């Protein structure tokens, strides 16, 4: 049975190349590391068949947006690493399918604004790292993010006032 799918430090630029597996193969993956590639677009429902995936790293790519259906099918995902990309936009309902998410890494991107409802849709025990983004903070956003300002498990402060 397959457990890992590692195409890290590769020359992958499109997910259609990676996920040309039939659904009987991809549905067994638990760990996916697609970091350090040149991916720009995740693509609608690209991970729909990866029903057992618990860890997904898309770090160090060139992703600029996460659309509302890009993460569809990742019901069991516990860790999503989108750090060190070029993220500018995350659609409000993008994280809705991630019911079991515990760790979300959005640090080192180009995020200026983030709809407060986007973060509100995350499970209550999610630890999000958001530092090193050029934030244009609003009072509404800070109020919604207050529950993420300190991780109750490790005490790590995940939202810093000085985040440049």
C-alpha atoms as a PDB file:
ATOM      1  CA  UNK A   1       0.000   0.000   0.000  1.00  0.00           C
ATOM      2  CA  UNK A   2       1.291   3.500  -0.851  1.00  0.00           C
ATOM      3  CA  UNK A   3       1.884   6.026   1.911  1.00  0.00           C
ATOM      4  CA  UNK A   4       4.149   8.778   0.601  1.00  0.00           C
ATOM      5  CA  UNK A   5       4.257  10.801  -2.553  1.00  0.00           C
ATOM      6  CA  UNK A   6       7.433  12.844  -2.628  1.00  0.00           C
ATOM      7  CA  UNK A   7       8.272  15.076  -5.557  1.00  0.00           C
ATOM      8  CA  UNK A   8      10.242  17.668  -3.679  1.00  0.00           C
ATOM      9  CA  UNK A   9      13.076  19.685  -5.207  1.00  0.00           C
ATOM     10  CA  UNK A  10      11.899  18.714  -8.660  1.00  0.00           C
ATOM     11  CA  UNK A  11      10.958  20.448 -11.836  1.00  0.00           C
ATOM     12  CA  UNK A  12       7.225  20.094 -11.382  1.00  0.00           C
ATOM     13  CA  UNK A  13       5.331  23.092 -12.694  1.00  0.00           C
ATOM     14  CA  UNK A  14       1.849  21.615 -13.112  1.00  0.00           C
ATOM     15  CA  UNK A  15      -0.123  19.240 -10.922  1.00  0.00           C
ATOM     16  CA  UNK A  16      -1.680  17.571 -13.936  1.00  0.00           C
ATOM     17  CA  UNK A  17       1.716  15.978 -14.536  1.00  0.00           C
ATOM     18  CA  UNK A  18       1.939  14.690 -10.966  1.00  0.00           C
ATOM     19  CA  UNK A  19      -1.560  13.373 -10.523  1.00  0.00           C
ATOM     20  CA  UNK A  20      -2.043  11.285 -13.631  1.00  0.00           C
ATOM     21  CA  UNK A  21      -2.570   8.293 -11.396  1.00  0.00           C
ATOM     22  CA  UNK A  22      -5.828   6.466 -11.356  1.00  0.00           C
ATOM     23  CA  UNK A  23      -7.918   6.945  -8.234  1.00  0.00           C
ATOM     24  CA  UNK A  24      -7.024   3.513  -6.895  1.00  0.00           C
ATOM     25  CA  UNK A  25      -3.375   4.605  -6.529  1.00  0.00           C
ATOM     26  CA  UNK A  26      -3.625   8.161  -5.208  1.00  0.00           C
ATOM     27  CA  UNK A  27      -6.273   7.407  -2.610  1.00  0.00           C
ATOM     28  CA  UNK A  28      -3.693   5.597  -0.447  1.00  0.00           C
ATOM     29  CA  UNK A  29      -1.275   8.527  -0.022  1.00  0.00           C
ATOM     30  CA  UNK A  30      -0.921   9.864   3.517  1.00  0.00           C
ATOM     31  CA  UNK A  31       2.058  12.216   3.087  1.00  0.00           C
ATOM     32  CA  UNK A  32       2.536  14.513   0.083  1.00  0.00           C
ATOM     33  CA  UNK A  33       5.631  16.674  -0.306  1.00  0.00           C
ATOM     34  CA  UNK A  34       5.534  18.811  -3.422  1.00  0.00           C
ATOM     35  CA  UNK A  35       7.760  21.553  -2.053  1.00  0.00           C
ATOM     36  CA  UNK A  36      10.562  23.334  -3.879  1.00  0.00           C
ATOM     37  CA  UNK A  37       9.043  23.159  -7.340  1.00  0.00           C
ATOM     38  CA  UNK A  38       7.718  25.816  -9.726  1.00  0.00           C
ATOM     39  CA  UNK A  39       3.986  25.214  -9.328  1.00  0.00           C
ATOM     40  CA  UNK A  40       1.919  28.375  -9.925  1.00  0.00           C
ATOM     41  CA  UNK A  41      -1.666  27.068  -9.791  1.00  0.00           C
ATOM     42  CA  UNK A  42      -3.105  24.372  -7.543  1.00  0.00           C
ATOM     43  CA  UNK A  43      -6.148  23.707  -9.701  1.00  0.00           C
ATOM     44  CA  UNK A  44      -9.750  22.892  -8.910  1.00  0.00           C
ATOM     45  CA  UNK A  45     -10.289  19.636  -7.006  1.00  0.00           C
ATOM     46  CA  UNK A  46      -6.793  18.410  -7.896  1.00  0.00           C
ATOM     47  CA  UNK A  47      -6.625  16.439  -4.639  1.00  0.00           C
ATOM     48  CA  UNK A  48     -10.167  15.090  -4.726  1.00  0.00           C
ATOM     49  CA  UNK A  49      -9.020  11.461  -4.917  1.00  0.00           C
ATOM     50  CA  UNK A  50      -6.380  11.851  -2.167  1.00  0.00           C
ATOM     51  CA  UNK A  51      -8.872  11.041   0.559  1.00  0.00           C
ATOM     52  CA  UNK A  52      -6.333   9.766   3.135  1.00  0.00           C
ATOM     53  CA  UNK A  53      -3.813  12.572   2.776  1.00  0.00           C
ATOM     54  CA  UNK A  54      -2.884  13.947   6.232  1.00  0.00           C
ATOM     55  CA  UNK A  55       0.166  16.060   5.366  1.00  0.00           C
ATOM     56  CA  UNK A  56       0.632  18.233   2.288  1.00  0.00           C
ATOM     57  CA  UNK A  57       3.565  20.544   1.661  1.00  0.00           C
ATOM     58  CA  UNK A  58       3.324  22.948  -1.232  1.00  0.00           C
ATOM     59  CA  UNK A  59       5.994  25.211   0.288  1.00  0.00           C
ATOM     60  CA  UNK A  60       8.592  27.016  -1.812  1.00  0.00           C
ATOM     61  CA  UNK A  61       6.570  27.112  -5.028  1.00  0.00           C
ATOM     62  CA  UNK A  62       5.145  30.037  -7.009  1.00  0.00           C
ATOM     63  CA  UNK A  63       1.482  29.737  -6.005  1.00  0.00           C
ATOM     64  CA  UNK A  64      -0.329  33.091  -6.054  1.00  0.00           C
ATOM     65  CA  UNK A  65      -3.929  32.085  -5.209  1.00  0.00           C
ATOM     66  CA  UNK A  66      -5.916  29.400  -3.445  1.00  0.00           C
ATOM     67  CA  UNK A  67      -9.367  29.145  -5.002  1.00  0.00           C
ATOM     68  CA  UNK A  68     -12.481  27.855  -3.286  1.00  0.00           C
ATOM     69  CA  UNK A  69     -12.265  24.306  -4.709  1.00  0.00           C
ATOM     70  CA  UNK A  70      -8.472  23.874  -4.840  1.00  0.00           C
ATOM     71  CA  UNK A  71      -8.350  21.882  -1.581  1.00  0.00           C
ATOM     72  CA  UNK A  72     -11.496  19.839  -2.158  1.00  0.00           C
ATOM     73  CA  UNK A  73     -11.186  16.223  -1.078  1.00  0.00           C
ATOM     74  CA  UNK A  74      -8.616  16.822   1.668  1.00  0.00           C
ATOM     75  CA  UNK A  75     -10.997  15.898   4.490  1.00  0.00           C
ATOM     76  CA  UNK A  76      -8.350  14.218   6.639  1.00  0.00           C
ATOM     77  CA  UNK A  77      -5.580  16.750   6.121  1.00  0.00           C
ATOM     78  CA  UNK A  78      -3.925  17.726   9.415  1.00  0.00           C
ATOM     79  CA  UNK A  79      -1.028  19.848   8.098  1.00  0.00           C
ATOM     80  CA  UNK A  80      -0.997  22.178   5.095  1.00  0.00           C
ATOM     81  CA  UNK A  81       2.205  24.053   4.325  1.00  0.00           C
ATOM     82  CA  UNK A  82       1.796  26.889   1.839  1.00  0.00           C
ATOM     83  CA  UNK A  83       4.736  28.907   3.182  1.00  0.00           C
ATOM     84  CA  UNK A  84       7.316  30.585   0.975  1.00  0.00           C
ATOM     85  CA  UNK A  85       5.039  31.015  -2.020  1.00  0.00           C
ATOM     86  CA  UNK A  86       3.724  34.145  -3.698  1.00  0.00           C
ATOM     87  CA  UNK A  87       0.236  33.940  -2.215  1.00  0.00           C
ATOM     88  CA  UNK A  88      -1.766  37.141  -2.586  1.00  0.00           C
ATOM     89  CA  UNK A  89      -5.322  35.807  -2.492  1.00  0.00           C
ATOM     90  CA  UNK A  90      -7.105  33.071  -0.576  1.00  0.00           C
ATOM     91  CA  UNK A  91     -10.785  32.677  -1.374  1.00  0.00           C
ATOM     92  CA  UNK A  92     -13.135  32.831   1.591  1.00  0.00           C
ATOM     93  CA  UNK A  93     -14.269  29.202   1.423  1.00  0.00           C
ATOM     94  CA  UNK A  94     -10.886  27.723   0.407  1.00  0.00           C
ATOM     95  CA  UNK A  95     -10.274  26.075   3.800  1.00  0.00           C
ATOM     96  CA  UNK A  96     -13.839  24.806   4.261  1.00  0.00           C
ATOM     97  CA  UNK A  97     -13.045  21.147   3.308  1.00  0.00           C
ATOM     98  CA  UNK A  98     -10.191  20.979   5.853  1.00  0.00           C
ATOM     99  CA  UNK A  99     -12.221  19.743   8.823  1.00  0.00           C
ATOM    100  CA  UNK A 100      -9.292  18.120  10.666  1.00  0.00           C
ATOM    101  CA  UNK A 101      -6.599  20.722   9.966  1.00  0.00           C
ATOM    102  CA  UNK A 102      -4.291  21.383  12.933  1.00  0.00           C
ATOM    103  CA  UNK A 103      -1.341  23.202  11.318  1.00  0.00           C
ATOM    104  CA  UNK A 104      -1.592  25.814   8.575  1.00  0.00           C
ATOM    105  CA  UNK A 105       1.560  27.543   7.347  1.00  0.00           C
ATOM    106  CA  UNK A 106       0.937  30.740   5.395  1.00  0.00           C
ATOM    107  CA  UNK A 107       4.129  32.529   6.423  1.00  0.00           C
ATOM    108  CA  UNK A 108       6.552  34.145   3.983  1.00  0.00           C
ATOM    109  CA  UNK A 109       4.021  35.029   1.290  1.00  0.00           C
ATOM    110  CA  UNK A 110       2.627  38.228  -0.237  1.00  0.00           C
ATOM    111  CA  UNK A 111      -0.638  38.335   1.706  1.00  0.00           C
ATOM    112  CA  UNK A 112      -1.825  41.874   2.443  1.00  0.00           C
ATOM    113  CA  UNK A 113      -5.422  41.126   3.358  1.00  0.00           C
ATOM    114  CA  UNK A 114      -7.229  38.047   4.486  1.00  0.00           C
ATOM    115  CA  UNK A 115     -10.971  37.886   4.841  1.00  0.00           C
ATOM    116  CA  UNK A 116     -11.768  37.252   8.498  1.00  0.00           C
ATOM    117  CA  UNK A 117     -14.364  34.667   7.455  1.00  0.00           C
ATOM    118  CA  UNK A 118     -11.631  32.641   5.742  1.00  0.00           C
ATOM    119  CA  UNK A 119      -9.858  32.024   9.042  1.00  0.00           C
ATOM    120  CA  UNK A 120     -13.147  31.602  10.909  1.00  0.00           C
ATOM    121  CA  UNK A 121     -13.902  28.520   8.787  1.00  0.00           C
ATOM    122  CA  UNK A 122     -10.823  26.717  10.147  1.00  0.00           C
ATOM    123  CA  UNK A 123     -11.312  24.140  12.909  1.00  0.00           C
ATOM    124  CA  UNK A 124     -10.962  25.734  16.351  1.00  0.00           C
ATOM    125  CA  UNK A 125      -7.732  23.872  17.209  1.00  0.00           C
ATOM    126  CA  UNK A 126      -5.851  24.995  14.104  1.00  0.00           C
ATOM    127  CA  UNK A 127      -2.452  26.626  14.647  1.00  0.00           C
ATOM    128  CA  UNK A 128      -1.758  29.085  11.845  1.00  0.00           C
ATOM    129  CA  UNK A 129       1.571  30.757  11.142  1.00  0.00           C
ATOM    130  CA  UNK A 130       1.059  34.032   9.320  1.00  0.00           C
ATOM    131  CA  UNK A 131       4.270  35.992   9.877  1.00  0.00           C
ATOM    132  CA  UNK A 132       6.418  37.601   7.197  1.00  0.00           C
ATOM    133  CA  UNK A 133       3.545  38.858   5.081  1.00  0.00           C
ATOM    134  CA  UNK A 134       3.066  42.570   4.222  1.00  0.00           C
ATOM    135  CA  UNK A 135      -0.235  42.802   6.151  1.00  0.00           C
ATOM    136  CA  UNK A 136      -2.667  45.686   5.889  1.00  0.00           C
ATOM    137  CA  UNK A 137      -4.417  44.806   9.135  1.00  0.00           C
ATOM    138  CA  UNK A 138      -7.961  45.843   9.951  1.00  0.00           C
ATOM    139  CA  UNK A 139      -9.597  45.720  13.353  1.00  0.00           C
ATOM    140  CA  UNK A 140     -12.079  43.140  12.036  1.00  0.00           C
ATOM    141  CA  UNK A 141      -9.312  40.818  10.875  1.00  0.00           C
ATOM    142  CA  UNK A 142      -7.393  41.114  14.139  1.00  0.00           C
ATOM    143  CA  UNK A 143     -10.519  40.338  16.155  1.00  0.00           C
ATOM    144  CA  UNK A 144     -11.180  37.152  14.174  1.00  0.00           C
ATOM    145  CA  UNK A 145      -7.541  36.094  14.377  1.00  0.00           C
ATOM    146  CA  UNK A 146      -7.271  36.581  18.124  1.00  0.00           C
ATOM    147  CA  UNK A 147      -8.007  32.900  18.715  1.00  0.00           C
ATOM    148  CA  UNK A 148      -4.985  32.052  16.569  1.00  0.00           C
ATOM    149  CA  UNK A 149      -2.630  34.546  18.236  1.00  0.00           C
ATOM    150  CA  UNK A 150      -1.194  31.992  20.630  1.00  0.00           C
ATOM    151  CA  UNK A 151      -1.035  28.268  20.157  1.00  0.00           C
ATOM    152  CA  UNK A 152      -2.460  26.575  23.255  1.00  0.00           C
ATOM    153  CA  UNK A 153      -0.399  23.440  22.654  1.00  0.00           C
ATOM    154  CA  UNK A 154       3.098  24.891  22.399  1.00  0.00           C
ATOM    155  CA  UNK A 155       2.747  28.551  23.384  1.00  0.00           C
ATOM    156  CA  UNK A 156       4.154  29.688  20.027  1.00  0.00           C
ATOM    157  CA  UNK A 157       2.940  33.118  19.048  1.00  0.00           C
ATOM    158  CA  UNK A 158       1.736  32.708  15.502  1.00  0.00           C
ATOM    159  CA  UNK A 159       0.558  36.259  14.792  1.00  0.00           C
ATOM    160  CA  UNK A 160       3.091  38.997  15.393  1.00  0.00           C
ATOM    161  CA  UNK A 161       2.423  42.714  15.403  1.00  0.00           C
ATOM    162  CA  UNK A 162       5.757  43.323  13.680  1.00  0.00           C
ATOM    163  CA  UNK A 163       5.551  40.796  10.887  1.00  0.00           C
ATOM    164  CA  UNK A 164       7.935  42.111   8.267  1.00  0.00           C
END
